[in-house]
Amino acid sequence: MRSTWTDSRLDEFRSRVDERFNGMEKRLSEMSGRIDEINTRIDSLQHAILIVGGGLFAAFVGVLAALIGLIATQL
């Protein structure tokens, strides 16, 4: 009696564990898709930051050159 009860309980437990692992695999694949989407967004944000930063740096260099030129002509 006890061995049959234990075997059936173990079979039920195994089937529940398999169901949970299948659910976990599904959630992990969904999470992988979300991470790929976030990586794409971060890449585009990084590109925008580089473009704006480069423009600001170029403007700074231009203003600095203009100031040096102004000071040089006034001396």
C-alpha atoms as a PDB file:
ATOM      1  CA  MET A   1       0.000   0.000   0.000  1.00  0.00           C
ATOM      2  CA  ARG A   2       2.684   2.501   0.947  1.00  0.00           C
ATOM      3  CA  SER A   3       4.900   1.901  -2.116  1.00  0.00           C
ATOM      4  CA  THR A   4       1.942   2.464  -4.472  1.00  0.00           C
ATOM      5  CA  TRP A   5       0.985   5.650  -2.640  1.00  0.00           C
ATOM      6  CA  THR A   6       4.555   6.943  -2.767  1.00  0.00           C
ATOM      7  CA  ASP A   7       4.986   6.074  -6.444  1.00  0.00           C
ATOM      8  CA  SER A   8       1.774   7.807  -7.459  1.00  0.00           C
ATOM      9  CA  ARG A   9       2.615  10.870  -5.389  1.00  0.00           C
ATOM     10  CA  LEU A  10       6.076  10.999  -6.954  1.00  0.00           C
ATOM     11  CA  ASP A  11       4.570  10.725 -10.439  1.00  0.00           C
ATOM     12  CA  GLU A  12       2.176  13.569  -9.644  1.00  0.00           C
ATOM     13  CA  PHE A  13       5.018  15.637  -8.238  1.00  0.00           C
ATOM     14  CA  ARG A  14       7.139  14.981 -11.329  1.00  0.00           C
ATOM     15  CA  SER A  15       4.345  16.098 -13.637  1.00  0.00           C
ATOM     16  CA  ARG A  16       3.855  19.311 -11.637  1.00  0.00           C
ATOM     17  CA  VAL A  17       7.595  19.999 -11.718  1.00  0.00           C
ATOM     18  CA  ASP A  18       7.620  19.460 -15.504  1.00  0.00           C
ATOM     19  CA  GLU A  19       4.713  21.896 -15.897  1.00  0.00           C
ATOM     20  CA  ARG A  20       6.506  24.513 -13.837  1.00  0.00           C
ATOM     21  CA  PHE A  21       9.727  24.106 -15.809  1.00  0.00           C
ATOM     22  CA  ASN A  22       7.791  24.492 -19.064  1.00  0.00           C
ATOM     23  CA  GLY A  23       6.267  27.699 -17.689  1.00  0.00           C
ATOM     24  CA  MET A  24       9.689  28.886 -16.611  1.00  0.00           C
ATOM     25  CA  GLU A  25      11.129  28.248 -20.081  1.00  0.00           C
ATOM     26  CA  LYS A  26       8.310  30.291 -21.601  1.00  0.00           C
ATOM     27  CA  ARG A  27       8.920  33.190 -19.213  1.00  0.00           C
ATOM     28  CA  LEU A  28      12.673  33.083 -19.850  1.00  0.00           C
ATOM     29  CA  SER A  29      12.159  33.254 -23.611  1.00  0.00           C
ATOM     30  CA  GLU A  30       9.805  36.232 -23.150  1.00  0.00           C
ATOM     31  CA  MET A  31      12.395  37.909 -20.926  1.00  0.00           C
ATOM     32  CA  SER A  32      15.075  37.300 -23.550  1.00  0.00           C
ATOM     33  CA  GLY A  33      12.913  39.114 -26.097  1.00  0.00           C
ATOM     34  CA  ARG A  34      12.440  42.027 -23.728  1.00  0.00           C
ATOM     35  CA  ILE A  35      16.170  42.229 -23.062  1.00  0.00           C
ATOM     36  CA  ASP A  36      16.857  42.322 -26.813  1.00  0.00           C
ATOM     37  CA  GLU A  37      14.367  45.183 -27.150  1.00  0.00           C
ATOM     38  CA  ILE A  38      15.989  47.080 -24.280  1.00  0.00           C
ATOM     39  CA  ASN A  39      19.441  46.553 -25.832  1.00  0.00           C
ATOM     40  CA  THR A  40      18.189  48.062 -29.080  1.00  0.00           C
ATOM     41  CA  ARG A  41      16.810  51.076 -27.236  1.00  0.00           C
ATOM     42  CA  ILE A  42      20.054  51.544 -25.292  1.00  0.00           C
ATOM     43  CA  ASP A  43      22.069  51.364 -28.521  1.00  0.00           C
ATOM     44  CA  SER A  44      19.943  54.079 -30.124  1.00  0.00           C
ATOM     45  CA  LEU A  45      20.193  56.223 -26.990  1.00  0.00           C
ATOM     46  CA  GLN A  46      23.960  55.811 -26.933  1.00  0.00           C
ATOM     47  CA  HIS A  47      24.115  56.858 -30.585  1.00  0.00           C
ATOM     48  CA  ALA A  48      22.059  59.988 -29.858  1.00  0.00           C
ATOM     49  CA  ILE A  49      24.283  60.859 -26.885  1.00  0.00           C
ATOM     50  CA  LEU A  50      27.403  60.559 -29.062  1.00  0.00           C
ATOM     51  CA  ILE A  51      25.908  62.774 -31.778  1.00  0.00           C
ATOM     52  CA  VAL A  52      24.795  65.484 -29.314  1.00  0.00           C
ATOM     53  CA  GLY A  53      28.045  65.282 -27.334  1.00  0.00           C
ATOM     54  CA  GLY A  54      30.104  65.572 -30.511  1.00  0.00           C
ATOM     55  CA  GLY A  55      28.097  68.609 -31.583  1.00  0.00           C
ATOM     56  CA  LEU A  56      28.560  70.266 -28.207  1.00  0.00           C
ATOM     57  CA  PHE A  57      32.279  69.552 -28.263  1.00  0.00           C
ATOM     58  CA  ALA A  58      32.612  71.015 -31.756  1.00  0.00           C
ATOM     59  CA  ALA A  59      30.684  74.117 -30.685  1.00  0.00           C
ATOM     60  CA  PHE A  60      32.927  74.496 -27.636  1.00  0.00           C
ATOM     61  CA  VAL A  61      36.060  74.230 -29.767  1.00  0.00           C
ATOM     62  CA  GLY A  62      34.628  76.821 -32.167  1.00  0.00           C
ATOM     63  CA  VAL A  63      33.840  79.277 -29.370  1.00  0.00           C
ATOM     64  CA  LEU A  64      37.262  78.711 -27.838  1.00  0.00           C
ATOM     65  CA  ALA A  65      38.958  79.354 -31.195  1.00  0.00           C
ATOM     66  CA  ALA A  66      36.908  82.524 -31.645  1.00  0.00           C
ATOM     67  CA  LEU A  67      37.889  83.771 -28.188  1.00  0.00           C
ATOM     68  CA  ILE A  68      41.566  83.044 -28.805  1.00  0.00           C
ATOM     69  CA  GLY A  69      41.337  84.855 -32.151  1.00  0.00           C
ATOM     70  CA  LEU A  70      39.627  87.840 -30.524  1.00  0.00           C
ATOM     71  CA  ILE A  71      42.235  88.049 -27.786  1.00  0.00           C
ATOM     72  CA  ALA A  72      45.098  87.682 -30.309  1.00  0.00           C
ATOM     73  CA  THR A  73      43.795  90.522 -32.481  1.00  0.00           C
ATOM     74  CA  GLN A  74      43.317  92.862 -29.549  1.00  0.00           C
ATOM     75  CA  LEU A  75      46.911  92.574 -28.348  1.00  0.00           C
END
